[in-house]
PDB file of N, CA and C in Angstrom:
ATOM      1  N   MET A   1      17.106 -11.858  16.738  1.00  0.00           N
ATOM      2  CA  MET A   1      16.372 -12.716  16.573  1.00  0.00           C
ATOM      3  C   MET A   1      15.382 -12.422  17.715  1.00  0.00           C
ATOM      4  N   ASP A   2      15.459 -12.057  19.388  1.00  0.00           N
ATOM      5  CA  ASP A   2      14.277 -11.039  19.866  1.00  0.00           C
ATOM      6  C   ASP A   2      13.356 -10.826  19.307  1.00  0.00           C
ATOM      7  N   VAL A   3      13.426  -9.122  18.704  1.00  0.00           N
ATOM      8  CA  VAL A   3      13.144  -8.251  17.812  1.00  0.00           C
ATOM      9  C   VAL A   3      12.113  -9.701  16.720  1.00  0.00           C
ATOM     10  N   VAL A   4      12.247 -10.094  16.173  1.00  0.00           N
ATOM     11  CA  VAL A   4      11.800 -11.251  14.826  1.00  0.00           C
ATOM     12  C   VAL A   4      10.194 -11.810  16.032  1.00  0.00           C
ATOM     13  N   GLY A   5      11.315 -12.495  16.664  1.00  0.00           N
ATOM     14  CA  GLY A   5       9.993 -13.072  17.533  1.00  0.00           C
ATOM     15  C   GLY A   5       9.141 -12.438  17.953  1.00  0.00           C
ATOM     16  N   THR A   6       9.439 -11.287  18.684  1.00  0.00           N
ATOM     17  CA  THR A   6       8.531 -10.148  19.498  1.00  0.00           C
ATOM     18  C   THR A   6       7.407 -10.371  18.054  1.00  0.00           C
ATOM     19  N   ILE A   7       7.435  -8.620  17.212  1.00  0.00           N
ATOM     20  CA  ILE A   7       7.085  -9.267  16.198  1.00  0.00           C
ATOM     21  C   ILE A   7       6.268  -9.980  15.808  1.00  0.00           C
ATOM     22  N   LEU A   8       6.519 -11.355  15.622  1.00  0.00           N
ATOM     23  CA  LEU A   8       5.932 -12.969  14.461  1.00  0.00           C
ATOM     24  C   LEU A   8       5.082 -13.047  15.700  1.00  0.00           C
ATOM     25  N   LEU A   9       5.225 -13.040  17.586  1.00  0.00           N
ATOM     26  CA  LEU A   9       4.509 -13.372  18.697  1.00  0.00           C
ATOM     27  C   LEU A   9       3.137 -12.062  18.117  1.00  0.00           C
ATOM     28  N   LEU A  10       3.405 -10.706  18.307  1.00  0.00           N
ATOM     29  CA  LEU A  10       2.163  -9.902  18.022  1.00  0.00           C
ATOM     30  C   LEU A  10       1.573  -9.879  16.653  1.00  0.00           C
ATOM     31  N   ILE A  11       2.027 -10.662  15.730  1.00  0.00           N
ATOM     32  CA  ILE A  11       0.852 -10.992  14.733  1.00  0.00           C
ATOM     33  C   ILE A  11       0.292 -12.052  15.099  1.00  0.00           C
ATOM     34  N   LEU A  12       0.883 -13.217  15.520  1.00  0.00           N
ATOM     35  CA  LEU A  12       0.026 -14.171  16.168  1.00  0.00           C
ATOM     36  C   LEU A  12      -0.822 -14.048  16.826  1.00  0.00           C
ATOM     37  N   ILE A  13      -1.197 -12.701  17.577  1.00  0.00           N
ATOM     38  CA  ILE A  13      -2.382 -12.464  18.680  1.00  0.00           C
ATOM     39  C   ILE A  13      -3.416 -11.750  18.549  1.00  0.00           C
ATOM     40  N   VAL A  14      -2.562 -11.214  17.576  1.00  0.00           N
ATOM     41  CA  VAL A  14      -3.888 -10.390  16.189  1.00  0.00           C
ATOM     42  C   VAL A  14      -4.834 -10.840  15.607  1.00  0.00           C
ATOM     43  N   PHE A  15      -4.065 -11.894  15.083  1.00  0.00           N
ATOM     44  CA  PHE A  15      -4.415 -13.100  13.721  1.00  0.00           C
ATOM     45  C   PHE A  15      -5.377 -14.288  15.125  1.00  0.00           C
ATOM     46  N   LEU A  16      -5.237 -14.038  15.484  1.00  0.00           N
ATOM     47  CA  LEU A  16      -5.754 -15.021  17.304  1.00  0.00           C
ATOM     48  C   LEU A  16      -7.467 -13.878  17.008  1.00  0.00           C
ATOM     49  N   ILE A  17      -7.358 -12.849  18.133  1.00  0.00           N
ATOM     50  CA  ILE A  17      -7.799 -12.089  17.911  1.00  0.00           C
ATOM     51  C   ILE A  17      -9.045 -12.174  17.138  1.00  0.00           C
ATOM     52  N   SER A  18      -8.195 -12.145  15.894  1.00  0.00           N
ATOM     53  CA  SER A  18      -9.127 -11.560  14.844  1.00  0.00           C
ATOM     54  C   SER A  18     -10.205 -12.935  14.081  1.00  0.00           C
ATOM     55  N   ARG A  19      -9.806 -14.277  14.054  1.00  0.00           N
ATOM     56  CA  ARG A  19     -10.642 -14.704  13.766  1.00  0.00           C
ATOM     57  C   ARG A  19     -11.826 -15.944  15.220  1.00  0.00           C
ATOM     58  N   VAL A  20     -11.419 -14.906  16.292  1.00  0.00           N
ATOM     59  CA  VAL A  20     -12.447 -14.922  17.677  1.00  0.00           C
ATOM     60  C   VAL A  20     -13.276 -14.202  17.350  1.00  0.00           C
ATOM     61  N   ALA A  21     -13.483 -12.970  17.100  1.00  0.00           N
ATOM     62  CA  ALA A  21     -14.005 -12.031  16.311  1.00  0.00           C
ATOM     63  C   ALA A  21     -14.946 -12.248  15.677  1.00  0.00           C
ATOM     64  N   HIS A  22     -14.168 -13.368  14.313  1.00  0.00           N
ATOM     65  CA  HIS A  22     -15.235 -13.768  13.259  1.00  0.00           C
ATOM     66  C   HIS A  22     -16.121 -14.802  13.487  1.00  0.00           C
ATOM     67  N   PHE A  23     -15.471 -15.571  13.393  1.00  0.00           N
ATOM     68  CA  PHE A  23     -16.038 -16.798  15.179  1.00  0.00           C
ATOM     69  C   PHE A  23     -17.257 -16.378  15.618  1.00  0.00           C
ATOM     70  N   PHE A  24     -17.265 -15.285  16.497  1.00  0.00           N
ATOM     71  CA  PHE A  24     -18.263 -14.021  17.302  1.00  0.00           C
ATOM     72  C   PHE A  24     -19.222 -14.442  15.946  1.00  0.00           C
ATOM     73  N   ASN A  25     -18.927 -13.283  15.584  1.00  0.00           N
ATOM     74  CA  ASN A  25     -19.886 -12.770  14.199  1.00  0.00           C
ATOM     75  C   ASN A  25     -21.159 -13.474  14.013  1.00  0.00           C
ATOM     76  N   ASP A  26     -19.556 -14.076  13.789  1.00  0.00           N
ATOM     77  CA  ASP A  26     -20.239 -15.688  12.676  1.00  0.00           C
ATOM     78  C   ASP A  26     -21.594 -16.362  14.051  1.00  0.00           C
ATOM     79  N   THR A  27     -21.571 -16.723  14.311  1.00  0.00           N
ATOM     80  CA  THR A  27     -22.196 -16.949  15.546  1.00  0.00           C
ATOM     81  C   THR A  27     -23.326 -16.866  15.420  1.00  0.00           C
ATOM     82  N   LYS A  28     -23.420 -15.121  15.731  1.00  0.00           N
ATOM     83  CA  LYS A  28     -23.734 -13.969  15.747  1.00  0.00           C
ATOM     84  C   LYS A  28     -25.288 -13.641  14.802  1.00  0.00           C
ATOM     85  N   HIS A  29     -24.272 -14.223  13.333  1.00  0.00           N
ATOM     86  CA  HIS A  29     -25.854 -14.442  12.771  1.00  0.00           C
ATOM     87  C   HIS A  29     -26.710 -15.326  12.019  1.00  0.00           C
ATOM     88  N   LYS A  30     -25.698 -16.367  12.875  1.00  0.00           N
ATOM     89  CA  LYS A  30     -26.410 -17.786  13.286  1.00  0.00           C
ATOM     90  C   LYS A  30     -28.029 -17.719  13.666  1.00  0.00           C
ATOM     91  N   LEU A  31     -27.353 -17.714  15.454  1.00  0.00           N
ATOM     92  CA  LEU A  31     -28.692 -17.190  16.039  1.00  0.00           C
ATOM     93  C   LEU A  31     -29.721 -16.513  15.323  1.00  0.00           C
ATOM     94  N   ASN A  32     -29.021 -15.725  14.899  1.00  0.00           N
ATOM     95  CA  ASN A  32     -30.281 -14.490  15.100  1.00  0.00           C
ATOM     96  C   ASN A  32     -31.145 -15.104  13.301  1.00  0.00           C
ATOM     97  N   GLU A  33     -30.181 -16.308  12.601  1.00  0.00           N
ATOM     98  CA  GLU A  33     -31.000 -16.960  11.342  1.00  0.00           C
ATOM     99  C   GLU A  33     -32.186 -17.719  12.379  1.00  0.00           C
ATOM    100  N   ILE A  34     -31.788 -18.561  13.274  1.00  0.00           N
ATOM    101  CA  ILE A  34     -32.758 -19.353  14.073  1.00  0.00           C
ATOM    102  C   ILE A  34     -33.877 -19.099  14.507  1.00  0.00           C
ATOM    103  N   ASP A  35     -33.786 -17.202  15.328  1.00  0.00           N
ATOM    104  CA  ASP A  35     -34.517 -17.387  16.381  1.00  0.00           C
ATOM    105  C   ASP A  35     -35.874 -17.012  14.662  1.00  0.00           C
ATOM    106  N   ARG A  36     -35.047 -16.064  13.543  1.00  0.00           N
ATOM    107  CA  ARG A  36     -35.916 -15.398  12.429  1.00  0.00           C
ATOM    108  C   ARG A  36     -36.888 -16.944  12.097  1.00  0.00           C
ATOM    109  N   LYS A  37     -36.267 -17.832  11.884  1.00  0.00           N
ATOM    110  CA  LYS A  37     -37.036 -19.635  11.864  1.00  0.00           C
ATOM    111  C   LYS A  37     -37.813 -19.534  12.680  1.00  0.00           C
ATOM    112  N   VAL A  38     -38.176 -19.486  13.983  1.00  0.00           N
ATOM    113  CA  VAL A  38     -38.630 -19.929  15.104  1.00  0.00           C
ATOM    114  C   VAL A  38     -39.934 -18.788  15.437  1.00  0.00           C
ATOM    115  N   GLU A  39     -39.630 -17.812  14.310  1.00  0.00           N
ATOM    116  CA  GLU A  39     -40.601 -17.069  14.123  1.00  0.00           C
ATOM    117  C   GLU A  39     -41.862 -17.213  13.119  1.00  0.00           C
ATOM    118  N   GLU A  40     -40.927 -17.849  12.114  1.00  0.00           N
ATOM    119  CA  GLU A  40     -41.852 -18.192  10.790  1.00  0.00           C
ATOM    120  C   GLU A  40     -42.881 -19.525  11.437  1.00  0.00           C
ATOM    121  N   ILE A  41     -41.711 -19.779  12.300  1.00  0.00           N
ATOM    122  CA  ILE A  41     -42.755 -21.949  12.367  1.00  0.00           C
ATOM    123  C   ILE A  41     -44.542 -21.435  13.121  1.00  0.00           C
ATOM    124  N   GLN A  42     -43.603 -20.534  14.481  1.00  0.00           N
ATOM    125  CA  GLN A  42     -44.898 -19.937  15.025  1.00  0.00           C
ATOM    126  C   GLN A  42     -45.590 -19.327  14.741  1.00  0.00           C
ATOM    127  N   GLU A  43     -45.780 -18.450  13.491  1.00  0.00           N
ATOM    128  CA  GLU A  43     -46.218 -17.518  13.130  1.00  0.00           C
ATOM    129  C   GLU A  43     -47.569 -18.666  11.750  1.00  0.00           C
ATOM    130  N   TYR A  44     -47.026 -19.440  11.291  1.00  0.00           N
ATOM    131  CA  TYR A  44     -47.048 -21.055  10.580  1.00  0.00           C
ATOM    132  C   TYR A  44     -48.421 -21.304  11.754  1.00  0.00           C
ATOM    133  N   ILE A  45     -47.753 -21.614  12.329  1.00  0.00           N
ATOM    134  CA  ILE A  45     -48.576 -22.546  13.597  1.00  0.00           C
ATOM    135  C   ILE A  45     -50.111 -22.031  14.190  1.00  0.00           C
ATOM    136  N   ALA A  46     -49.578 -20.258  14.477  1.00  0.00           N
ATOM    137  CA  ALA A  46     -50.592 -19.798  14.230  1.00  0.00           C
ATOM    138  C   ALA A  46     -51.958 -20.063  13.157  1.00  0.00           C
ATOM    139  N   ASN A  47     -51.463 -19.286  12.360  1.00  0.00           N
ATOM    140  CA  ASN A  47     -52.571 -19.049  11.248  1.00  0.00           C
ATOM    141  C   ASN A  47     -53.176 -20.696  10.449  1.00  0.00           C
ATOM    142  N   LYS A  48     -52.618 -21.886  11.278  1.00  0.00           N
ATOM    143  CA  LYS A  48     -52.876 -23.539  11.022  1.00  0.00           C
ATOM    144  C   LYS A  48     -53.487 -23.069  11.679  1.00  0.00           C
ATOM    145  N   GLU A  49     -53.788 -23.131  13.466  1.00  0.00           N
ATOM    146  CA  GLU A  49     -55.142 -22.263  14.262  1.00  0.00           C
ATOM    147  C   GLU A  49     -55.900 -21.916  13.538  1.00  0.00           C
ATOM    148  N   ASP A  50     -55.865 -20.806  13.361  1.00  0.00           N
ATOM    149  CA  ASP A  50     -57.079 -19.746  12.722  1.00  0.00           C
ATOM    150  C   ASP A  50     -57.624 -20.341  11.901  1.00  0.00           C
ATOM    151  N   ASN A  51     -57.147 -21.565  11.041  1.00  0.00           N
ATOM    152  CA  ASN A  51     -58.170 -22.151  10.287  1.00  0.00           C
ATOM    153  C   ASN A  51     -58.407 -23.605  10.567  1.00  0.00           C
TER     154      ASN A  51
END
């Protein structure tokens, strides 16, 4: 049973690391999207001030 428990623990650790990596990757994509939206708003404001 000790070997089975060790294998299950290893699988759990790999799964948790995978989930954390996906979370950070998704967060990175969302931050990039927010940055793009902020740039669009700044361009819109700059164009509106020019008119």
